[in-house]
Amino acid sequence: MDKTTKYRQLIESLLTQHAERVGSQSTPSMETILSLDEEHDQYIWLQMGWQKYHRVHGVTLHLRLHEDKIWIEQDWTENGIATDLLKAGVANEDIVLGFRHPERRSLSQFAVA
């Protein structure tokens, strides 16, 4: 199996696990939505619904595959999806913290781009 296929499967599995766990604990007025787009290598987990009188519509997690790396564009998970990726065997140099400014990425243990 090539690296891109392996990463696609891993990302889909991790997002599904996270979303199912959160979805089983959320209130009926909140919905957990996954958008798993293999054609464009974009993977998004949304939360939407209502908290009392306030509309909630937000990206909890956005990952994408770009140039053989997993880019974390948004991450509001409790422990950080990078932790799960590392535990699953993804090398540090294959993870980019896209939500960090490019000049600050070198301060992390992950790839700069």
PDB file of N, CA and C in Angstrom:
ATOM      1  N   MET A   1       0.848  -1.179   0.000  1.00  0.00           N
ATOM      2  CA  MET A   1       0.000   0.000   0.000  1.00  0.00           C
ATOM      3  C   MET A   1       0.893   1.243   0.000  1.00  0.00           C
ATOM      4  N   ASP A   2       0.590   2.184  -0.873  1.00  0.00           N
ATOM      5  CA  ASP A   2       1.400   3.402  -0.917  1.00  0.00           C
ATOM      6  C   ASP A   2       1.049   4.315   0.257  1.00  0.00           C
ATOM      7  N   LYS A   3       1.917   5.286   0.491  1.00  0.00           N
ATOM      8  CA  LYS A   3       1.784   6.165   1.654  1.00  0.00           C
ATOM      9  C   LYS A   3       0.496   6.988   1.616  1.00  0.00           C
ATOM     10  N   THR A   4       0.115   7.487   0.455  1.00  0.00           N
ATOM     11  CA  THR A   4      -1.094   8.308   0.353  1.00  0.00           C
ATOM     12  C   THR A   4      -2.327   7.501   0.727  1.00  0.00           C
ATOM     13  N   THR A   5      -2.432   6.287   0.224  1.00  0.00           N
ATOM     14  CA  THR A   5      -3.570   5.426   0.546  1.00  0.00           C
ATOM     15  C   THR A   5      -3.591   5.106   2.034  1.00  0.00           C
ATOM     16  N   LYS A   6      -2.423   4.816   2.584  1.00  0.00           N
ATOM     17  CA  LYS A   6      -2.319   4.522   4.020  1.00  0.00           C
ATOM     18  C   LYS A   6      -2.771   5.721   4.851  1.00  0.00           C
ATOM     19  N   TYR A   7      -2.318   6.920   4.485  1.00  0.00           N
ATOM     20  CA  TYR A   7      -2.692   8.124   5.222  1.00  0.00           C
ATOM     21  C   TYR A   7      -4.178   8.428   5.084  1.00  0.00           C
ATOM     22  N   ARG A   8      -4.752   8.218   3.893  1.00  0.00           N
ATOM     23  CA  ARG A   8      -6.189   8.433   3.702  1.00  0.00           C
ATOM     24  C   ARG A   8      -6.982   7.545   4.653  1.00  0.00           C
ATOM     25  N   GLN A   9      -6.633   6.272   4.689  1.00  0.00           N
ATOM     26  CA  GLN A   9      -7.344   5.319   5.539  1.00  0.00           C
ATOM     27  C   GLN A   9      -7.191   5.676   7.016  1.00  0.00           C
ATOM     28  N   LEU A  10      -5.997   6.065   7.403  1.00  0.00           N
ATOM     29  CA  LEU A  10      -5.737   6.429   8.792  1.00  0.00           C
ATOM     30  C   LEU A  10      -6.542   7.663   9.195  1.00  0.00           C
ATOM     31  N   ILE A  11      -6.518   8.685   8.370  1.00  0.00           N
ATOM     32  CA  ILE A  11      -7.248   9.922   8.659  1.00  0.00           C
ATOM     33  C   ILE A  11      -8.738   9.647   8.786  1.00  0.00           C
ATOM     34  N   GLU A  12      -9.283   8.893   7.839  1.00  0.00           N
ATOM     35  CA  GLU A  12     -10.714   8.584   7.885  1.00  0.00           C
ATOM     36  C   GLU A  12     -11.063   7.802   9.142  1.00  0.00           C
ATOM     37  N   SER A  13     -10.216   6.863   9.520  1.00  0.00           N
ATOM     38  CA  SER A  13     -10.455   6.072  10.723  1.00  0.00           C
ATOM     39  C   SER A  13     -10.417   6.942  11.978  1.00  0.00           C
ATOM     40  N   LEU A  14      -9.401   7.789  12.097  1.00  0.00           N
ATOM     41  CA  LEU A  14      -9.267   8.646  13.274  1.00  0.00           C
ATOM     42  C   LEU A  14     -10.420   9.643  13.388  1.00  0.00           C
ATOM     43  N   LEU A  15     -10.780  10.281  12.281  1.00  0.00           N
ATOM     44  CA  LEU A  15     -11.879  11.245  12.320  1.00  0.00           C
ATOM     45  C   LEU A  15     -13.191  10.560  12.679  1.00  0.00           C
ATOM     46  N   THR A  16     -13.420   9.387  12.132  1.00  0.00           N
ATOM     47  CA  THR A  16     -14.641   8.645  12.431  1.00  0.00           C
ATOM     48  C   THR A  16     -14.690   8.279  13.908  1.00  0.00           C
ATOM     49  N   GLN A  17     -13.584   7.809  14.461  1.00  0.00           N
ATOM     50  CA  GLN A  17     -13.538   7.457  15.885  1.00  0.00           C
ATOM     51  C   GLN A  17     -13.829   8.674  16.764  1.00  0.00           C
ATOM     52  N   HIS A  18     -13.162   9.784  16.479  1.00  0.00           N
ATOM     53  CA  HIS A  18     -13.376  11.004  17.263  1.00  0.00           C
ATOM     54  C   HIS A  18     -14.822  11.474  17.164  1.00  0.00           C
ATOM     55  N   ALA A  19     -15.330  11.532  15.936  1.00  0.00           N
ATOM     56  CA  ALA A  19     -16.685  12.043  15.724  1.00  0.00           C
ATOM     57  C   ALA A  19     -17.734  11.150  16.369  1.00  0.00           C
ATOM     58  N   GLU A  20     -17.546   9.833  16.303  1.00  0.00           N
ATOM     59  CA  GLU A  20     -18.500   8.925  16.939  1.00  0.00           C
ATOM     60  C   GLU A  20     -18.496   9.092  18.450  1.00  0.00           C
ATOM     61  N   ARG A  21     -17.316   9.249  19.018  1.00  0.00           N
ATOM     62  CA  ARG A  21     -17.210   9.429  20.466  1.00  0.00           C
ATOM     63  C   ARG A  21     -17.910  10.720  20.903  1.00  0.00           C
ATOM     64  N   VAL A  22     -17.651  11.803  20.206  1.00  0.00           N
ATOM     65  CA  VAL A  22     -18.258  13.084  20.555  1.00  0.00           C
ATOM     66  C   VAL A  22     -19.756  13.071  20.243  1.00  0.00           C
ATOM     67  N   GLY A  23     -20.114  12.490  19.108  1.00  0.00           N
ATOM     68  CA  GLY A  23     -21.514  12.431  18.716  1.00  0.00           C
ATOM     69  C   GLY A  23     -22.372  11.667  19.703  1.00  0.00           C
ATOM     70  N   SER A  24     -21.818  10.638  20.311  1.00  0.00           N
ATOM     71  CA  SER A  24     -22.583   9.847  21.280  1.00  0.00           C
ATOM     72  C   SER A  24     -22.783  10.595  22.598  1.00  0.00           C
ATOM     73  N   GLN A  25     -21.985  11.636  22.825  1.00  0.00           N
ATOM     74  CA  GLN A  25     -22.080  12.397  24.068  1.00  0.00           C
ATOM     75  C   GLN A  25     -22.790  13.734  23.897  1.00  0.00           C
ATOM     76  N   SER A  26     -23.037  14.130  22.661  1.00  0.00           N
ATOM     77  CA  SER A  26     -23.593  15.467  22.439  1.00  0.00           C
ATOM     78  C   SER A  26     -25.109  15.479  22.644  1.00  0.00           C
ATOM     79  N   THR A  27     -25.637  16.659  22.731  1.00  0.00           N
ATOM     80  CA  THR A  27     -27.073  16.842  22.930  1.00  0.00           C
ATOM     81  C   THR A  27     -27.804  16.677  21.593  1.00  0.00           C
ATOM     82  N   PRO A  28     -29.102  16.418  21.639  1.00  0.00           N
ATOM     83  CA  PRO A  28     -29.866  16.247  20.401  1.00  0.00           C
ATOM     84  C   PRO A  28     -29.846  17.488  19.497  1.00  0.00           C
ATOM     85  N   SER A  29     -29.578  18.643  20.063  1.00  0.00           N
ATOM     86  CA  SER A  29     -29.572  19.868  19.255  1.00  0.00           C
ATOM     87  C   SER A  29     -28.243  20.093  18.532  1.00  0.00           C
ATOM     88  N   MET A  30     -27.256  19.223  18.783  1.00  0.00           N
ATOM     89  CA  MET A  30     -25.947  19.329  18.125  1.00  0.00           C
ATOM     90  C   MET A  30     -25.748  18.147  17.186  1.00  0.00           C
ATOM     91  N   GLU A  31     -25.123  18.403  16.058  1.00  0.00           N
ATOM     92  CA  GLU A  31     -24.884  17.370  15.064  1.00  0.00           C
ATOM     93  C   GLU A  31     -23.401  17.322  14.724  1.00  0.00           C
ATOM     94  N   THR A  32     -22.888  16.119  14.625  1.00  0.00           N
ATOM     95  CA  THR A  32     -21.499  15.901  14.224  1.00  0.00           C
ATOM     96  C   THR A  32     -21.504  15.466  12.764  1.00  0.00           C
ATOM     97  N   ILE A  33     -20.765  16.188  11.931  1.00  0.00           N
ATOM     98  CA  ILE A  33     -20.758  15.913  10.494  1.00  0.00           C
ATOM     99  C   ILE A  33     -19.325  15.695  10.031  1.00  0.00           C
ATOM    100  N   LEU A  34     -19.113  14.627   9.276  1.00  0.00           N
ATOM    101  CA  LEU A  34     -17.817  14.357   8.671  1.00  0.00           C
ATOM    102  C   LEU A  34     -17.917  14.561   7.174  1.00  0.00           C
ATOM    103  N   SER A  35     -16.919  15.205   6.611  1.00  0.00           N
ATOM    104  CA  SER A  35     -16.788  15.337   5.172  1.00  0.00           C
ATOM    105  C   SER A  35     -15.433  14.741   4.801  1.00  0.00           C
ATOM    106  N   LEU A  36     -15.464  13.558   4.197  1.00  0.00           N
ATOM    107  CA  LEU A  36     -14.247  12.824   3.869  1.00  0.00           C
ATOM    108  C   LEU A  36     -14.098  12.801   2.353  1.00  0.00           C
ATOM    109  N   ASP A  37     -13.323  13.715   1.824  1.00  0.00           N
ATOM    110  CA  ASP A  37     -13.197  13.905   0.377  1.00  0.00           C
ATOM    111  C   ASP A  37     -11.856  13.368  -0.113  1.00  0.00           C
ATOM    112  N   GLU A  38     -11.846  12.102  -0.519  1.00  0.00           N
ATOM    113  CA  GLU A  38     -10.605  11.479  -0.999  1.00  0.00           C
ATOM    114  C   GLU A  38     -10.143  12.063  -2.334  1.00  0.00           C
ATOM    115  N   GLU A  39     -11.085  12.496  -3.157  1.00  0.00           N
ATOM    116  CA  GLU A  39     -10.717  13.034  -4.466  1.00  0.00           C
ATOM    117  C   GLU A  39      -9.834  14.274  -4.334  1.00  0.00           C
ATOM    118  N   HIS A  40     -10.154  15.129  -3.349  1.00  0.00           N
ATOM    119  CA  HIS A  40      -9.384  16.359  -3.129  1.00  0.00           C
ATOM    120  C   HIS A  40      -8.509  16.278  -1.887  1.00  0.00           C
ATOM    121  N   ASP A  41      -8.525  15.138  -1.216  1.00  0.00           N
ATOM    122  CA  ASP A  41      -7.750  14.910   0.010  1.00  0.00           C
ATOM    123  C   ASP A  41      -7.991  15.975   1.075  1.00  0.00           C
ATOM    124  N   GLN A  42      -9.275  16.235   1.320  1.00  0.00           N
ATOM    125  CA  GLN A  42      -9.708  17.163   2.355  1.00  0.00           C
ATOM    126  C   GLN A  42     -10.598  16.390   3.324  1.00  0.00           C
ATOM    127  N   TYR A  43     -10.330  16.514   4.624  1.00  0.00           N
ATOM    128  CA  TYR A  43     -11.040  15.741   5.639  1.00  0.00           C
ATOM    129  C   TYR A  43     -11.465  16.697   6.751  1.00  0.00           C
ATOM    130  N   ILE A  44     -12.783  16.846   6.911  1.00  0.00           N
ATOM    131  CA  ILE A  44     -13.304  17.872   7.824  1.00  0.00           C
ATOM    132  C   ILE A  44     -14.340  17.269   8.770  1.00  0.00           C
ATOM    133  N   TRP A  45     -14.249  17.685  10.016  1.00  0.00           N
ATOM    134  CA  TRP A  45     -15.223  17.308  11.045  1.00  0.00           C
ATOM    135  C   TRP A  45     -15.860  18.604  11.529  1.00  0.00           C
ATOM    136  N   LEU A  46     -17.178  18.697  11.365  1.00  0.00           N
ATOM    137  CA  LEU A  46     -17.942  19.883  11.755  1.00  0.00           C
ATOM    138  C   LEU A  46     -18.866  19.566  12.921  1.00  0.00           C
ATOM    139  N   GLN A  47     -19.083  20.554  13.745  1.00  0.00           N
ATOM    140  CA  GLN A  47     -20.116  20.503  14.769  1.00  0.00           C
ATOM    141  C   GLN A  47     -21.102  21.600  14.416  1.00  0.00           C
ATOM    142  N   MET A  48     -22.382  21.260  14.375  1.00  0.00           N
ATOM    143  CA  MET A  48     -23.366  22.302  14.133  1.00  0.00           C
ATOM    144  C   MET A  48     -24.661  21.999  14.856  1.00  0.00           C
ATOM    145  N   GLY A  49     -25.352  23.064  15.156  1.00  0.00           N
ATOM    146  CA  GLY A  49     -26.604  22.952  15.885  1.00  0.00           C
ATOM    147  C   GLY A  49     -26.819  24.185  16.733  1.00  0.00           C
ATOM    148  N   TRP A  50     -27.431  23.962  17.896  1.00  0.00           N
ATOM    149  CA  TRP A  50     -27.774  25.076  18.773  1.00  0.00           C
ATOM    150  C   TRP A  50     -27.361  24.790  20.203  1.00  0.00           C
ATOM    151  N   GLN A  51     -26.812  25.810  20.845  1.00  0.00           N
ATOM    152  CA  GLN A  51     -26.571  25.799  22.281  1.00  0.00           C
ATOM    153  C   GLN A  51     -27.413  26.936  22.832  1.00  0.00           C
ATOM    154  N   LYS A  52     -28.502  26.553  23.442  1.00  0.00           N
ATOM    155  CA  LYS A  52     -29.535  27.499  23.883  1.00  0.00           C
ATOM    156  C   LYS A  52     -29.990  28.310  22.679  1.00  0.00           C
ATOM    157  N   TYR A  53     -29.703  29.618  22.645  1.00  0.00           N
ATOM    158  CA  TYR A  53     -30.162  30.455  21.542  1.00  0.00           C
ATOM    159  C   TYR A  53     -29.041  30.847  20.587  1.00  0.00           C
ATOM    160  N   HIS A  54     -27.893  30.201  20.733  1.00  0.00           N
ATOM    161  CA  HIS A  54     -26.738  30.532  19.892  1.00  0.00           C
ATOM    162  C   HIS A  54     -26.479  29.436  18.875  1.00  0.00           C
ATOM    163  N   ARG A  55     -26.307  29.843  17.638  1.00  0.00           N
ATOM    164  CA  ARG A  55     -26.006  28.904  16.554  1.00  0.00           C
ATOM    165  C   ARG A  55     -24.543  28.484  16.651  1.00  0.00           C
ATOM    166  N   VAL A  56     -24.305  27.185  16.524  1.00  0.00           N
ATOM    167  CA  VAL A  56     -22.958  26.635  16.492  1.00  0.00           C
ATOM    168  C   VAL A  56     -22.745  26.041  15.109  1.00  0.00           C
ATOM    169  N   HIS A  57     -21.697  26.464  14.459  1.00  0.00           N
ATOM    170  CA  HIS A  57     -21.319  25.907  13.161  1.00  0.00           C
ATOM    171  C   HIS A  57     -19.819  26.102  13.054  1.00  0.00           C
ATOM    172  N   GLY A  58     -19.090  25.070  13.425  1.00  0.00           N
ATOM    173  CA  GLY A  58     -17.645  25.244  13.464  1.00  0.00           C
ATOM    174  C   GLY A  58     -16.884  24.001  13.058  1.00  0.00           C
ATOM    175  N   VAL A  59     -15.705  24.258  12.536  1.00  0.00           N
ATOM    176  CA  VAL A  59     -14.796  23.179  12.148  1.00  0.00           C
ATOM    177  C   VAL A  59     -14.027  22.743  13.390  1.00  0.00           C
ATOM    178  N   THR A  60     -14.213  21.505  13.783  1.00  0.00           N
ATOM    179  CA  THR A  60     -13.475  20.949  14.904  1.00  0.00           C
ATOM    180  C   THR A  60     -12.111  20.469  14.440  1.00  0.00           C
ATOM    181  N   LEU A  61     -12.088  19.858  13.268  1.00  0.00           N
ATOM    182  CA  LEU A  61     -10.842  19.294  12.750  1.00  0.00           C
ATOM    183  C   LEU A  61     -10.837  19.368  11.235  1.00  0.00           C
ATOM    184  N   HIS A  62      -9.737  19.844  10.675  1.00  0.00           N
ATOM    185  CA  HIS A  62      -9.560  19.882   9.223  1.00  0.00           C
ATOM    186  C   HIS A  62      -8.156  19.378   8.905  1.00  0.00           C
ATOM    187  N   LEU A  63      -8.102  18.256   8.217  1.00  0.00           N
ATOM    188  CA  LEU A  63      -6.831  17.689   7.762  1.00  0.00           C
ATOM    189  C   LEU A  63      -6.855  17.636   6.243  1.00  0.00           C
ATOM    190  N   ARG A  64      -5.680  17.706   5.651  1.00  0.00           N
ATOM    191  CA  ARG A  64      -5.583  17.503   4.213  1.00  0.00           C
ATOM    192  C   ARG A  64      -4.261  16.838   3.894  1.00  0.00           C
ATOM    193  N   LEU A  65      -4.245  16.117   2.801  1.00  0.00           N
ATOM    194  CA  LEU A  65      -3.001  15.542   2.306  1.00  0.00           C
ATOM    195  C   LEU A  65      -2.483  16.457   1.222  1.00  0.00           C
ATOM    196  N   HIS A  66      -1.241  16.846   1.362  1.00  0.00           N
ATOM    197  CA  HIS A  66      -0.628  17.769   0.403  1.00  0.00           C
ATOM    198  C   HIS A  66       0.856  17.453   0.316  1.00  0.00           C
ATOM    199  N   GLU A  67       1.306  17.157  -0.883  1.00  0.00           N
ATOM    200  CA  GLU A  67       2.717  16.850  -1.137  1.00  0.00           C
ATOM    201  C   GLU A  67       3.233  15.761  -0.195  1.00  0.00           C
ATOM    202  N   ASP A  68       2.485  14.666  -0.088  1.00  0.00           N
ATOM    203  CA  ASP A  68       2.846  13.482   0.711  1.00  0.00           C
ATOM    204  C   ASP A  68       2.939  13.739   2.209  1.00  0.00           C
ATOM    205  N   LYS A  69       2.314  14.806   2.675  1.00  0.00           N
ATOM    206  CA  LYS A  69       2.315  15.106   4.103  1.00  0.00           C
ATOM    207  C   LYS A  69       0.882  15.317   4.573  1.00  0.00           C
ATOM    208  N   ILE A  70       0.675  15.096   5.867  1.00  0.00           N
ATOM    209  CA  ILE A  70      -0.620  15.372   6.482  1.00  0.00           C
ATOM    210  C   ILE A  70      -0.558  16.773   7.073  1.00  0.00           C
ATOM    211  N   TRP A  71      -1.366  17.655   6.537  1.00  0.00           N
ATOM    212  CA  TRP A  71      -1.447  19.027   7.018  1.00  0.00           C
ATOM    213  C   TRP A  71      -2.609  19.142   7.986  1.00  0.00           C
ATOM    214  N   ILE A  72      -2.332  19.603   9.180  1.00  0.00           N
ATOM    215  CA  ILE A  72      -3.375  19.856  10.174  1.00  0.00           C
ATOM    216  C   ILE A  72      -3.714  21.345  10.068  1.00  0.00           C
ATOM    217  N   GLU A  73      -4.863  21.636   9.465  1.00  0.00           N
ATOM    218  CA  GLU A  73      -5.256  23.024   9.212  1.00  0.00           C
ATOM    219  C   GLU A  73      -6.058  23.630  10.367  1.00  0.00           C
ATOM    220  N   GLN A  74      -6.758  22.773  11.105  1.00  0.00           N
ATOM    221  CA  GLN A  74      -7.545  23.208  12.253  1.00  0.00           C
ATOM    222  C   GLN A  74      -7.642  22.026  13.205  1.00  0.00           C
ATOM    223  N   ASP A  75      -7.494  22.267  14.490  1.00  0.00           N
ATOM    224  CA  ASP A  75      -7.575  21.179  15.458  1.00  0.00           C
ATOM    225  C   ASP A  75      -8.065  21.697  16.798  1.00  0.00           C
ATOM    226  N   TRP A  76      -9.308  21.357  17.119  1.00  0.00           N
ATOM    227  CA  TRP A  76      -9.896  21.719  18.405  1.00  0.00           C
ATOM    228  C   TRP A  76     -10.168  20.471  19.235  1.00  0.00           C
ATOM    229  N   THR A  77      -9.443  19.383  18.957  1.00  0.00           N
ATOM    230  CA  THR A  77      -9.614  18.175  19.756  1.00  0.00           C
ATOM    231  C   THR A  77      -8.864  18.338  21.070  1.00  0.00           C
ATOM    232  N   GLU A  78      -9.257  17.568  22.046  1.00  0.00           N
ATOM    233  CA  GLU A  78      -8.708  17.712  23.395  1.00  0.00           C
ATOM    234  C   GLU A  78      -7.202  17.452  23.457  1.00  0.00           C
ATOM    235  N   ASN A  79      -6.752  16.353  22.884  1.00  0.00           N
ATOM    236  CA  ASN A  79      -5.331  15.987  22.964  1.00  0.00           C
ATOM    237  C   ASN A  79      -4.538  16.320  21.714  1.00  0.00           C
ATOM    238  N   GLY A  80      -5.192  16.774  20.682  1.00  0.00           N
ATOM    239  CA  GLY A  80      -4.507  17.090  19.434  1.00  0.00           C
ATOM    240  C   GLY A  80      -4.391  15.862  18.547  1.00  0.00           C
ATOM    241  N   ILE A  81      -4.805  16.004  17.304  1.00  0.00           N
ATOM    242  CA  ILE A  81      -4.786  14.887  16.366  1.00  0.00           C
ATOM    243  C   ILE A  81      -3.362  14.449  16.036  1.00  0.00           C
ATOM    244  N   ALA A  82      -2.394  15.351  16.160  1.00  0.00           N
ATOM    245  CA  ALA A  82      -0.992  14.981  15.888  1.00  0.00           C
ATOM    246  C   ALA A  82      -0.551  13.849  16.815  1.00  0.00           C
ATOM    247  N   THR A  83      -1.022  13.858  18.045  1.00  0.00           N
ATOM    248  CA  THR A  83      -0.690  12.791  18.997  1.00  0.00           C
ATOM    249  C   THR A  83      -1.173  11.447  18.470  1.00  0.00           C
ATOM    250  N   ASP A  84      -2.402  11.411  17.959  1.00  0.00           N
ATOM    251  CA  ASP A  84      -2.951  10.175  17.404  1.00  0.00           C
ATOM    252  C   ASP A  84      -2.185   9.734  16.157  1.00  0.00           C
ATOM    253  N   LEU A  85      -1.803  10.692  15.331  1.00  0.00           N
ATOM    254  CA  LEU A  85      -1.047  10.360  14.119  1.00  0.00           C
ATOM    255  C   LEU A  85       0.307   9.749  14.478  1.00  0.00           C
ATOM    256  N   LEU A  86       0.983  10.332  15.459  1.00  0.00           N
ATOM    257  CA  LEU A  86       2.279   9.805  15.891  1.00  0.00           C
ATOM    258  C   LEU A  86       2.128   8.395  16.465  1.00  0.00           C
ATOM    259  N   LYS A  87       1.101   8.180  17.285  1.00  0.00           N
ATOM    260  CA  LYS A  87       0.862   6.858  17.860  1.00  0.00           C
ATOM    261  C   LYS A  87       0.591   5.815  16.782  1.00  0.00           C
ATOM    262  N   ALA A  88       0.009   6.261  15.668  1.00  0.00           N
ATOM    263  CA  ALA A  88      -0.305   5.353  14.564  1.00  0.00           C
ATOM    264  C   ALA A  88       0.894   5.116  13.649  1.00  0.00           C
ATOM    265  N   GLY A  89       2.032   5.748  13.957  1.00  0.00           N
ATOM    266  CA  GLY A  89       3.240   5.499  13.192  1.00  0.00           C
ATOM    267  C   GLY A  89       3.597   6.521  12.126  1.00  0.00           C
ATOM    268  N   VAL A  90       2.874   7.621  12.073  1.00  0.00           N
ATOM    269  CA  VAL A  90       3.208   8.677  11.109  1.00  0.00           C
ATOM    270  C   VAL A  90       4.453   9.403  11.617  1.00  0.00           C
ATOM    271  N   ALA A  91       5.422   9.572  10.742  1.00  0.00           N
ATOM    272  CA  ALA A  91       6.669  10.249  11.110  1.00  0.00           C
ATOM    273  C   ALA A  91       6.440  11.743  11.311  1.00  0.00           C
ATOM    274  N   ASN A  92       7.183  12.326  12.247  1.00  0.00           N
ATOM    275  CA  ASN A  92       7.090  13.770  12.510  1.00  0.00           C
ATOM    276  C   ASN A  92       7.258  14.587  11.233  1.00  0.00           C
ATOM    277  N   GLU A  93       8.164  14.163  10.377  1.00  0.00           N
ATOM    278  CA  GLU A  93       8.445  14.929   9.162  1.00  0.00           C
ATOM    279  C   GLU A  93       7.335  14.815   8.113  1.00  0.00           C
ATOM    280  N   ASP A  94       6.308  14.006   8.392  1.00  0.00           N
ATOM    281  CA  ASP A  94       5.159  13.900   7.497  1.00  0.00           C
ATOM    282  C   ASP A  94       3.935  14.628   8.041  1.00  0.00           C
ATOM    283  N   ILE A  95       4.110  15.373   9.114  1.00  0.00           N
ATOM    284  CA  ILE A  95       3.013  16.137   9.715  1.00  0.00           C
ATOM    285  C   ILE A  95       3.382  17.621   9.684  1.00  0.00           C
ATOM    286  N   VAL A  96       2.464  18.421   9.163  1.00  0.00           N
ATOM    287  CA  VAL A  96       2.663  19.876   9.121  1.00  0.00           C
ATOM    288  C   VAL A  96       1.535  20.528   9.914  1.00  0.00           C
ATOM    289  N   LEU A  97       1.903  21.402  10.835  1.00  0.00           N
ATOM    290  CA  LEU A  97       0.914  22.171  11.595  1.00  0.00           C
ATOM    291  C   LEU A  97       0.553  23.407  10.777  1.00  0.00           C
ATOM    292  N   GLY A  98      -0.371  23.222   9.848  1.00  0.00           N
ATOM    293  CA  GLY A  98      -0.748  24.290   8.928  1.00  0.00           C
ATOM    294  C   GLY A  98      -1.384  25.482   9.609  1.00  0.00           C
ATOM    295  N   PHE A  99      -1.921  25.297  10.800  1.00  0.00           N
ATOM    296  CA  PHE A  99      -2.546  26.409  11.530  1.00  0.00           C
ATOM    297  C   PHE A  99      -1.506  27.330  12.166  1.00  0.00           C
ATOM    298  N   ARG A 100      -0.251  26.911  12.161  1.00  0.00           N
ATOM    299  CA  ARG A 100       0.830  27.769  12.686  1.00  0.00           C
ATOM    300  C   ARG A 100       1.424  28.604  11.562  1.00  0.00           C
ATOM    301  N   HIS A 101       1.834  29.797  11.900  1.00  0.00           N
ATOM    302  CA  HIS A 101       2.487  30.665  10.912  1.00  0.00           C
ATOM    303  C   HIS A 101       3.737  29.959  10.382  1.00  0.00           C
ATOM    304  N   PRO A 102       3.999  30.044   9.088  1.00  0.00           N
ATOM    305  CA  PRO A 102       5.165  29.351   8.510  1.00  0.00           C
ATOM    306  C   PRO A 102       6.496  29.649   9.210  1.00  0.00           C
ATOM    307  N   GLU A 103       6.663  30.856   9.708  1.00  0.00           N
ATOM    308  CA  GLU A 103       7.919  31.209  10.387  1.00  0.00           C
ATOM    309  C   GLU A 103       8.036  30.542  11.753  1.00  0.00           C
ATOM    310  N   ARG A 104       6.925  30.111  12.327  1.00  0.00           N
ATOM    311  CA  ARG A 104       6.940  29.512  13.669  1.00  0.00           C
ATOM    312  C   ARG A 104       6.926  27.983  13.641  1.00  0.00           C
ATOM    313  N   ARG A 105       6.690  27.415  12.463  1.00  0.00           N
ATOM    314  CA  ARG A 105       6.622  25.954  12.369  1.00  0.00           C
ATOM    315  C   ARG A 105       7.938  25.275  12.722  1.00  0.00           C
ATOM    316  N   SER A 106       9.037  25.937  12.472  1.00  0.00           N
ATOM    317  CA  SER A 106      10.343  25.329  12.766  1.00  0.00           C
ATOM    318  C   SER A 106      10.565  25.161  14.271  1.00  0.00           C
ATOM    319  N   LEU A 107       9.747  25.817  15.091  1.00  0.00           N
ATOM    320  CA  LEU A 107       9.866  25.710  16.537  1.00  0.00           C
ATOM    321  C   LEU A 107       9.198  24.435  17.073  1.00  0.00           C
ATOM    322  N   SER A 108       8.464  23.744  16.212  1.00  0.00           N
ATOM    323  CA  SER A 108       7.782  22.511  16.634  1.00  0.00           C
ATOM    324  C   SER A 108       8.648  21.308  16.233  1.00  0.00           C
ATOM    325  N   GLN A 109       8.186  20.144  16.627  1.00  0.00           N
ATOM    326  CA  GLN A 109       8.882  18.908  16.283  1.00  0.00           C
ATOM    327  C   GLN A 109       8.441  18.364  14.917  1.00  0.00           C
ATOM    328  N   PHE A 110       7.600  19.144  14.201  1.00  0.00           N
ATOM    329  CA  PHE A 110       7.028  18.656  12.969  1.00  0.00           C
ATOM    330  C   PHE A 110       7.619  19.356  11.750  1.00  0.00           C
ATOM    331  N   ALA A 111       7.188  18.911  10.564  1.00  0.00           N
ATOM    332  CA  ALA A 111       7.692  19.478   9.306  1.00  0.00           C
ATOM    333  C   ALA A 111       7.260  20.942   9.170  1.00  0.00           C
ATOM    334  N   VAL A 112       8.048  21.714   8.439  1.00  0.00           N
ATOM    335  CA  VAL A 112       7.693  23.116   8.221  1.00  0.00           C
ATOM    336  C   VAL A 112       6.788  23.270   6.994  1.00  0.00           C
ATOM    337  N   ALA A 113       6.860  22.348   6.071  1.00  0.00           N
ATOM    338  CA  ALA A 113       5.984  22.329   4.879  1.00  0.00           C
ATOM    339  C   ALA A 113       6.241  21.090   4.079  1.00  0.00           C
TER     340      ALA A 113
END
